[in-house]
Amino acid sequence: MEPQKPVYRIRDLESGERPRERLARLGAEALSTAELLAILLRVGIPGENAVQLGTRLLKTFGGLGGLHRASLHELQAQHGVGVAKAAQIKAAIELGRRMVAASPEERPAIHSPADAAALVLYEMSALPQEHLWVILTDTRNRVMHIEKMYRGSLNASTVRVGEVFRAAIQRNAAAILVVHNHPSGDPTPSPEDIALTRALIQAGRLLDVEVLDHLVIGQGRFVSLKERGLAFS
C-alpha cells in the first residue's frame, strides 16, 4: 500500500479546505485567524500544514495581540517560520496598524465609546507599558488628531492636566476624549483613573474644552468611564 503523502502545503489540502479558495468564495471575514495566517505562511512543515502552523503560533503567543507584541527574532525562532515568514507576519500586522492610524480625514466621527475604541484598541492592546493618548475632535465630533502624550505609571499626581489640553487648545479642538491602557489586560478603572478623570473634566470646563469620555483599554476590550457613570455626572 502506497504511503499517504504528507499534507503541509496549502495546495495539498482538499480544495474546499484551502484558505485562499475559501477567501475567494466566502470573503476574508469568513476565515478564522489561523486561516488568514496560513495564507501569509503559504507552506507548513512536514506533519503540520499552514493552518496548523498558524494555529500553533496563535496559541504560543496568545493570539494576534501576542503576535503584534512579539519581536521579529521571537517569531523567526519558531519551528517552521524563519526570517521570510516572520517578516511577512510583522508586515501584515503593521499594515493593519497603519490602516487604523490613517489620516484624520479618513476617520469616522465619534458617536459612541466603541467608535473611539476602534481607533486605538488594536495598537494600545499590545503596548507593554501604560500610555495615555488624547483624541481631539471638532464640533461635529470628527477626529482631528490623536496626541500620544504619556508613558509609564499614570495617575492624577503624575499627569499634568494642562499638558493634556495643550494640543486641543493649539488645534482649536472643541472636545477631547482621553484613552489609556492597562497592560495587565484588565480594563477595570482604578480609583486613580477616576480621580484623574474628575480633574480633567473640571479643567475642561474652565478651558471650554469638553471631555467626552475616558476609555481604559485592556486586552482586546475597553471600559468607558462615562458609560459606567464614573466621574461624569
C-alpha atoms as a PDB file:
ATOM      1  CA  MET A   1       0.000   0.000   0.000  1.00  0.00           C
ATOM      2  CA  GLU A   2       1.405   3.388  -1.025  1.00  0.00           C
ATOM      3  CA  PRO A   3       2.055   5.650   1.987  1.00  0.00           C
ATOM      4  CA  GLN A   4      -0.121   8.741   2.257  1.00  0.00           C
ATOM      5  CA  LYS A   5       1.562  11.930   1.062  1.00  0.00           C
ATOM      6  CA  PRO A   6       2.298  14.353   3.915  1.00  0.00           C
ATOM      7  CA  VAL A   7      -0.003  17.363   3.898  1.00  0.00           C
ATOM      8  CA  TYR A   8       1.927  20.508   4.665  1.00  0.00           C
ATOM      9  CA  ARG A   9       1.238  22.813   1.719  1.00  0.00           C
ATOM     10  CA  ILE A  10      -1.998  24.721   1.126  1.00  0.00           C
ATOM     11  CA  ARG A  11      -2.342  23.105  -2.288  1.00  0.00           C
ATOM     12  CA  ASP A  12      -2.152  19.673  -0.631  1.00  0.00           C
ATOM     13  CA  LEU A  13      -5.351  20.372   1.315  1.00  0.00           C
ATOM     14  CA  GLU A  14      -8.743  19.401  -0.040  1.00  0.00           C
ATOM     15  CA  SER A  15      -9.948  22.178  -2.354  1.00  0.00           C
ATOM     16  CA  GLY A  16     -12.847  23.027  -0.054  1.00  0.00           C
ATOM     17  CA  GLU A  17     -10.465  23.497   2.892  1.00  0.00           C
ATOM     18  CA  ARG A  18      -7.882  25.730   1.211  1.00  0.00           C
ATOM     19  CA  PRO A  19      -7.899  29.167   2.859  1.00  0.00           C
ATOM     20  CA  ARG A  20      -7.294  31.075  -0.373  1.00  0.00           C
ATOM     21  CA  GLU A  21     -10.190  29.365  -2.125  1.00  0.00           C
ATOM     22  CA  ARG A  22     -12.411  29.888   0.924  1.00  0.00           C
ATOM     23  CA  LEU A  23     -11.466  33.573   0.991  1.00  0.00           C
ATOM     24  CA  ALA A  24     -12.322  33.962  -2.700  1.00  0.00           C
ATOM     25  CA  ARG A  25     -15.629  32.169  -2.220  1.00  0.00           C
ATOM     26  CA  LEU A  26     -16.770  33.488   1.168  1.00  0.00           C
ATOM     27  CA  GLY A  27     -14.763  36.653   1.809  1.00  0.00           C
ATOM     28  CA  ALA A  28     -11.893  37.301   4.216  1.00  0.00           C
ATOM     29  CA  GLU A  29     -14.230  37.884   7.168  1.00  0.00           C
ATOM     30  CA  ALA A  30     -15.405  34.245   6.960  1.00  0.00           C
ATOM     31  CA  LEU A  31     -11.920  32.854   7.611  1.00  0.00           C
ATOM     32  CA  SER A  32     -10.521  32.088  11.035  1.00  0.00           C
ATOM     33  CA  THR A  33      -7.433  33.941  12.213  1.00  0.00           C
ATOM     34  CA  ALA A  34      -5.389  30.780  11.731  1.00  0.00           C
ATOM     35  CA  GLU A  35      -6.579  30.504   8.120  1.00  0.00           C
ATOM     36  CA  LEU A  36      -5.651  34.119   7.411  1.00  0.00           C
ATOM     37  CA  LEU A  37      -2.208  33.457   8.863  1.00  0.00           C
ATOM     38  CA  ALA A  38      -1.934  30.346   6.710  1.00  0.00           C
ATOM     39  CA  ILE A  39      -2.356  32.471   3.579  1.00  0.00           C
ATOM     40  CA  LEU A  40       0.655  34.515   4.684  1.00  0.00           C
ATOM     41  CA  LEU A  41       2.692  31.447   5.648  1.00  0.00           C
ATOM     42  CA  ARG A  42       1.800  29.583   2.408  1.00  0.00           C
ATOM     43  CA  VAL A  43       3.694  26.429   3.398  1.00  0.00           C
ATOM     44  CA  GLY A  44       3.797  24.474   6.633  1.00  0.00           C
ATOM     45  CA  ILE A  45       6.295  21.828   7.609  1.00  0.00           C
ATOM     46  CA  PRO A  46       6.172  18.032   7.335  1.00  0.00           C
ATOM     47  CA  GLY A  47       3.406  16.851   9.654  1.00  0.00           C
ATOM     48  CA  GLU A  48       1.929  20.344  10.120  1.00  0.00           C
ATOM     49  CA  ASN A  49       0.121  22.210   7.355  1.00  0.00           C
ATOM     50  CA  ALA A  50      -0.012  26.001   7.117  1.00  0.00           C
ATOM     51  CA  VAL A  51      -3.312  26.263   9.025  1.00  0.00           C
ATOM     52  CA  GLN A  52      -1.962  24.097  11.839  1.00  0.00           C
ATOM     53  CA  LEU A  53       1.220  26.175  11.914  1.00  0.00           C
ATOM     54  CA  GLY A  54      -0.859  29.339  12.169  1.00  0.00           C
ATOM     55  CA  THR A  55      -2.888  27.793  14.987  1.00  0.00           C
ATOM     56  CA  ARG A  56       0.301  26.885  16.864  1.00  0.00           C
ATOM     57  CA  LEU A  57       1.683  30.411  16.521  1.00  0.00           C
ATOM     58  CA  LEU A  58      -1.533  31.929  17.854  1.00  0.00           C
ATOM     59  CA  LYS A  59      -1.501  29.556  20.815  1.00  0.00           C
ATOM     60  CA  THR A  60       2.199  30.130  21.525  1.00  0.00           C
ATOM     61  CA  PHE A  61       1.955  33.920  21.509  1.00  0.00           C
ATOM     62  CA  GLY A  62      -1.532  34.256  22.962  1.00  0.00           C
ATOM     63  CA  GLY A  63      -3.432  35.421  19.899  1.00  0.00           C
ATOM     64  CA  LEU A  64      -2.987  38.298  17.475  1.00  0.00           C
ATOM     65  CA  GLY A  65      -2.077  40.700  20.259  1.00  0.00           C
ATOM     66  CA  GLY A  66       0.820  38.461  21.214  1.00  0.00           C
ATOM     67  CA  LEU A  67       1.987  38.236  17.612  1.00  0.00           C
ATOM     68  CA  HIS A  68       1.819  42.020  17.457  1.00  0.00           C
ATOM     69  CA  ARG A  69       3.989  42.339  20.578  1.00  0.00           C
ATOM     70  CA  ALA A  70       6.461  39.620  19.568  1.00  0.00           C
ATOM     71  CA  SER A  71       9.749  40.692  18.030  1.00  0.00           C
ATOM     72  CA  LEU A  72      10.883  39.550  14.607  1.00  0.00           C
ATOM     73  CA  HIS A  73      13.540  37.425  16.312  1.00  0.00           C
ATOM     74  CA  GLU A  74      10.961  35.711  18.537  1.00  0.00           C
ATOM     75  CA  LEU A  75       8.795  34.877  15.533  1.00  0.00           C
ATOM     76  CA  GLN A  76      11.567  33.575  13.324  1.00  0.00           C
ATOM     77  CA  ALA A  77      12.799  31.368  16.173  1.00  0.00           C
ATOM     78  CA  GLN A  78       9.567  29.357  15.982  1.00  0.00           C
ATOM     79  CA  HIS A  79       9.884  25.998  14.239  1.00  0.00           C
ATOM     80  CA  GLY A  80       8.671  26.308  10.659  1.00  0.00           C
ATOM     81  CA  VAL A  81       8.730  30.106  10.496  1.00  0.00           C
ATOM     82  CA  GLY A  82      12.159  31.555   9.706  1.00  0.00           C
ATOM     83  CA  VAL A  83      13.076  35.058   8.583  1.00  0.00           C
ATOM     84  CA  ALA A  84      10.837  35.354   5.499  1.00  0.00           C
ATOM     85  CA  LYS A  85       7.616  34.181   7.140  1.00  0.00           C
ATOM     86  CA  ALA A  86       8.283  36.210  10.286  1.00  0.00           C
ATOM     87  CA  ALA A  87       8.779  39.314   8.153  1.00  0.00           C
ATOM     88  CA  GLN A  88       5.533  38.658   6.277  1.00  0.00           C
ATOM     89  CA  ILE A  89       3.588  38.356   9.530  1.00  0.00           C
ATOM     90  CA  LYS A  90       5.090  41.531  11.003  1.00  0.00           C
ATOM     91  CA  ALA A  91       4.488  43.427   7.752  1.00  0.00           C
ATOM     92  CA  ALA A  92       0.831  42.374   7.643  1.00  0.00           C
ATOM     93  CA  ILE A  93       0.291  43.406  11.275  1.00  0.00           C
ATOM     94  CA  GLU A  94       1.961  46.759  10.659  1.00  0.00           C
ATOM     95  CA  LEU A  95      -0.255  47.386   7.635  1.00  0.00           C
ATOM     96  CA  GLY A  96      -3.277  46.760   9.854  1.00  0.00           C
ATOM     97  CA  ARG A  97      -1.935  49.179  12.448  1.00  0.00           C
ATOM     98  CA  ARG A  98      -1.328  51.866   9.840  1.00  0.00           C
ATOM     99  CA  MET A  99      -4.811  51.459   8.438  1.00  0.00           C
ATOM    100  CA  VAL A 100      -6.246  52.115  11.901  1.00  0.00           C
ATOM    101  CA  ALA A 101      -3.909  55.112  12.252  1.00  0.00           C
ATOM    102  CA  ALA A 102      -4.901  56.578   8.876  1.00  0.00           C
ATOM    103  CA  SER A 103      -5.234  60.335   8.416  1.00  0.00           C
ATOM    104  CA  PRO A 104      -7.960  62.090  10.436  1.00  0.00           C
ATOM    105  CA  GLU A 105      -9.891  62.878   7.256  1.00  0.00           C
ATOM    106  CA  GLU A 106     -10.449  59.169   6.751  1.00  0.00           C
ATOM    107  CA  ARG A 107     -11.691  58.508  10.265  1.00  0.00           C
ATOM    108  CA  PRO A 108     -15.398  58.486  11.063  1.00  0.00           C
ATOM    109  CA  ALA A 109     -16.952  60.820  13.561  1.00  0.00           C
ATOM    110  CA  ILE A 110     -17.138  59.529  17.124  1.00  0.00           C
ATOM    111  CA  HIS A 111     -20.732  58.782  18.057  1.00  0.00           C
ATOM    112  CA  SER A 112     -20.086  56.238  20.804  1.00  0.00           C
ATOM    113  CA  PRO A 113     -17.298  54.882  23.026  1.00  0.00           C
ATOM    114  CA  ALA A 114     -17.000  51.942  20.616  1.00  0.00           C
ATOM    115  CA  ASP A 115     -16.208  54.345  17.759  1.00  0.00           C
ATOM    116  CA  ALA A 116     -13.361  55.856  19.763  1.00  0.00           C
ATOM    117  CA  ALA A 117     -12.084  52.478  20.941  1.00  0.00           C
ATOM    118  CA  ALA A 118     -11.972  51.228  17.359  1.00  0.00           C
ATOM    119  CA  LEU A 119      -9.350  53.877  16.567  1.00  0.00           C
ATOM    120  CA  VAL A 120      -6.903  52.791  19.249  1.00  0.00           C
ATOM    121  CA  LEU A 121      -7.801  49.330  20.554  1.00  0.00           C
ATOM    122  CA  TYR A 122      -5.614  47.366  18.146  1.00  0.00           C
ATOM    123  CA  GLU A 123      -2.459  49.334  18.904  1.00  0.00           C
ATOM    124  CA  MET A 124      -2.975  50.078  22.595  1.00  0.00           C
ATOM    125  CA  SER A 125      -3.847  46.479  23.478  1.00  0.00           C
ATOM    126  CA  ALA A 126      -0.308  45.494  22.504  1.00  0.00           C
ATOM    127  CA  LEU A 127       1.566  48.166  24.473  1.00  0.00           C
ATOM    128  CA  PRO A 128       3.738  46.702  27.268  1.00  0.00           C
ATOM    129  CA  GLN A 129       3.627  49.939  29.304  1.00  0.00           C
ATOM    130  CA  GLU A 130       0.827  52.245  30.342  1.00  0.00           C
ATOM    131  CA  HIS A 131       0.206  55.032  27.808  1.00  0.00           C
ATOM    132  CA  LEU A 132      -2.186  57.977  27.754  1.00  0.00           C
ATOM    133  CA  TRP A 133      -3.443  59.343  24.441  1.00  0.00           C
ATOM    134  CA  VAL A 134      -5.815  62.216  23.750  1.00  0.00           C
ATOM    135  CA  ILE A 135      -8.240  62.149  20.809  1.00  0.00           C
ATOM    136  CA  LEU A 136      -9.093  65.672  19.615  1.00  0.00           C
ATOM    137  CA  THR A 137     -12.454  66.293  17.946  1.00  0.00           C
ATOM    138  CA  ASP A 138     -14.196  69.192  16.273  1.00  0.00           C
ATOM    139  CA  THR A 139     -17.705  70.496  16.951  1.00  0.00           C
ATOM    140  CA  ARG A 140     -19.188  67.588  14.969  1.00  0.00           C
ATOM    141  CA  ASN A 141     -17.173  65.007  16.911  1.00  0.00           C
ATOM    142  CA  ARG A 142     -14.945  64.300  13.905  1.00  0.00           C
ATOM    143  CA  VAL A 143     -11.434  63.233  14.825  1.00  0.00           C
ATOM    144  CA  MET A 144      -8.847  65.952  14.235  1.00  0.00           C
ATOM    145  CA  HIS A 145      -5.768  64.341  15.747  1.00  0.00           C
ATOM    146  CA  ILE A 146      -4.589  61.734  18.241  1.00  0.00           C
ATOM    147  CA  GLU A 147      -1.946  63.082  20.610  1.00  0.00           C
ATOM    148  CA  LYS A 148       0.246  60.397  22.213  1.00  0.00           C
ATOM    149  CA  MET A 149       1.240  62.004  25.472  1.00  0.00           C
ATOM    150  CA  TYR A 150       2.312  59.968  28.491  1.00  0.00           C
ATOM    151  CA  ARG A 151       4.050  56.649  29.025  1.00  0.00           C
ATOM    152  CA  GLY A 152       4.589  54.989  32.379  1.00  0.00           C
ATOM    153  CA  SER A 153       2.638  54.954  35.627  1.00  0.00           C
ATOM    154  CA  LEU A 154      -0.359  57.236  35.225  1.00  0.00           C
ATOM    155  CA  ASN A 155      -2.432  58.893  37.921  1.00  0.00           C
ATOM    156  CA  ALA A 156      -3.790  62.300  38.895  1.00  0.00           C
ATOM    157  CA  SER A 157      -0.499  63.304  40.528  1.00  0.00           C
ATOM    158  CA  THR A 158       1.845  62.353  37.659  1.00  0.00           C
ATOM    159  CA  VAL A 159      -0.265  63.577  34.718  1.00  0.00           C
ATOM    160  CA  ARG A 160      -0.132  67.346  34.234  1.00  0.00           C
ATOM    161  CA  VAL A 161      -3.692  68.330  33.451  1.00  0.00           C
ATOM    162  CA  GLY A 162      -2.630  71.409  31.486  1.00  0.00           C
ATOM    163  CA  GLU A 163      -0.469  69.276  29.210  1.00  0.00           C
ATOM    164  CA  VAL A 164      -3.441  67.071  28.362  1.00  0.00           C
ATOM    165  CA  PHE A 165      -5.285  70.107  26.939  1.00  0.00           C
ATOM    166  CA  ARG A 166      -2.310  71.777  25.220  1.00  0.00           C
ATOM    167  CA  ALA A 167      -2.813  70.132  21.818  1.00  0.00           C
ATOM    168  CA  ALA A 168      -6.577  70.773  21.982  1.00  0.00           C
ATOM    169  CA  ILE A 169      -6.003  74.480  22.541  1.00  0.00           C
ATOM    170  CA  GLN A 170      -3.308  74.709  19.871  1.00  0.00           C
ATOM    171  CA  ARG A 171      -5.530  72.999  17.285  1.00  0.00           C
ATOM    172  CA  ASN A 172      -8.724  74.744  18.434  1.00  0.00           C
ATOM    173  CA  ALA A 173     -10.430  71.444  19.194  1.00  0.00           C
ATOM    174  CA  ALA A 174     -13.946  71.524  20.599  1.00  0.00           C
ATOM    175  CA  ALA A 175     -13.569  68.403  22.726  1.00  0.00           C
ATOM    176  CA  ILE A 176     -11.195  65.675  23.778  1.00  0.00           C
ATOM    177  CA  LEU A 177     -11.527  62.017  24.594  1.00  0.00           C
ATOM    178  CA  VAL A 178      -8.858  60.571  26.875  1.00  0.00           C
ATOM    179  CA  VAL A 179      -7.675  56.996  26.399  1.00  0.00           C
ATOM    180  CA  HIS A 180      -5.152  54.961  28.353  1.00  0.00           C
ATOM    181  CA  ASN A 181      -4.304  51.285  28.570  1.00  0.00           C
ATOM    182  CA  HIS A 182      -3.847  48.739  31.332  1.00  0.00           C
ATOM    183  CA  PRO A 183      -1.003  46.399  30.284  1.00  0.00           C
ATOM    184  CA  SER A 184      -2.405  43.763  32.671  1.00  0.00           C
ATOM    185  CA  GLY A 185      -5.222  43.289  30.169  1.00  0.00           C
ATOM    186  CA  ASP A 186      -7.962  44.151  32.687  1.00  0.00           C
ATOM    187  CA  PRO A 187      -9.641  47.459  31.715  1.00  0.00           C
ATOM    188  CA  THR A 188     -11.394  47.946  35.053  1.00  0.00           C
ATOM    189  CA  PRO A 189     -10.882  51.627  36.016  1.00  0.00           C
ATOM    190  CA  SER A 190      -8.831  52.177  39.159  1.00  0.00           C
ATOM    191  CA  PRO A 191      -9.560  54.864  41.803  1.00  0.00           C
ATOM    192  CA  GLU A 192      -6.611  56.795  40.317  1.00  0.00           C
ATOM    193  CA  ASP A 193      -8.224  56.646  36.868  1.00  0.00           C
ATOM    194  CA  ILE A 194     -11.449  58.073  38.285  1.00  0.00           C
ATOM    195  CA  ALA A 195      -9.625  60.838  40.158  1.00  0.00           C
ATOM    196  CA  LEU A 196      -7.705  61.811  37.020  1.00  0.00           C
ATOM    197  CA  THR A 197     -10.925  61.927  35.030  1.00  0.00           C
ATOM    198  CA  ARG A 198     -12.562  64.249  37.560  1.00  0.00           C
ATOM    199  CA  ALA A 199      -9.558  66.588  37.393  1.00  0.00           C
ATOM    200  CA  LEU A 200      -9.670  66.633  33.589  1.00  0.00           C
ATOM    201  CA  ILE A 201     -13.405  67.339  33.483  1.00  0.00           C
ATOM    202  CA  GLN A 202     -13.008  70.273  35.864  1.00  0.00           C
ATOM    203  CA  ALA A 203     -10.124  71.700  33.831  1.00  0.00           C
ATOM    204  CA  GLY A 204     -12.070  71.220  30.602  1.00  0.00           C
ATOM    205  CA  ARG A 205     -14.935  73.321  31.926  1.00  0.00           C
ATOM    206  CA  LEU A 206     -12.545  76.169  32.697  1.00  0.00           C
ATOM    207  CA  LEU A 207     -10.873  75.918  29.287  1.00  0.00           C
ATOM    208  CA  ASP A 208     -14.146  75.456  27.370  1.00  0.00           C
ATOM    209  CA  VAL A 209     -12.972  72.099  26.002  1.00  0.00           C
ATOM    210  CA  GLU A 210     -15.417  69.281  26.701  1.00  0.00           C
ATOM    211  CA  VAL A 211     -14.110  65.938  27.949  1.00  0.00           C
ATOM    212  CA  LEU A 212     -16.300  63.484  26.056  1.00  0.00           C
ATOM    213  CA  ASP A 213     -15.125  60.337  27.813  1.00  0.00           C
ATOM    214  CA  HIS A 214     -12.194  58.453  29.311  1.00  0.00           C
ATOM    215  CA  LEU A 215     -11.627  54.968  27.952  1.00  0.00           C
ATOM    216  CA  VAL A 216      -9.488  52.329  29.609  1.00  0.00           C
ATOM    217  CA  ILE A 217      -8.121  49.786  27.137  1.00  0.00           C
ATOM    218  CA  GLY A 218      -7.406  46.196  28.148  1.00  0.00           C
ATOM    219  CA  GLN A 219      -6.580  43.115  26.113  1.00  0.00           C
ATOM    220  CA  GLY A 220      -8.980  43.397  23.187  1.00  0.00           C
ATOM    221  CA  ARG A 221     -11.654  45.157  25.263  1.00  0.00           C
ATOM    222  CA  PHE A 222     -12.330  48.527  26.872  1.00  0.00           C
ATOM    223  CA  VAL A 223     -14.325  50.312  29.552  1.00  0.00           C
ATOM    224  CA  SER A 224     -15.938  53.729  29.169  1.00  0.00           C
ATOM    225  CA  LEU A 225     -15.937  55.685  32.429  1.00  0.00           C
ATOM    226  CA  LYS A 226     -18.830  57.760  31.128  1.00  0.00           C
ATOM    227  CA  GLU A 227     -20.944  54.667  30.426  1.00  0.00           C
ATOM    228  CA  ARG A 228     -20.124  53.385  33.909  1.00  0.00           C
ATOM    229  CA  GLY A 229     -21.131  56.707  35.451  1.00  0.00           C
ATOM    230  CA  LEU A 230     -17.649  57.185  36.935  1.00  0.00           C
ATOM    231  CA  ALA A 231     -16.531  60.831  37.372  1.00  0.00           C
ATOM    232  CA  PHE A 232     -19.132  62.027  34.832  1.00  0.00           C
ATOM    233  CA  SER A 233     -22.277  63.490  36.370  1.00  0.00           C
END
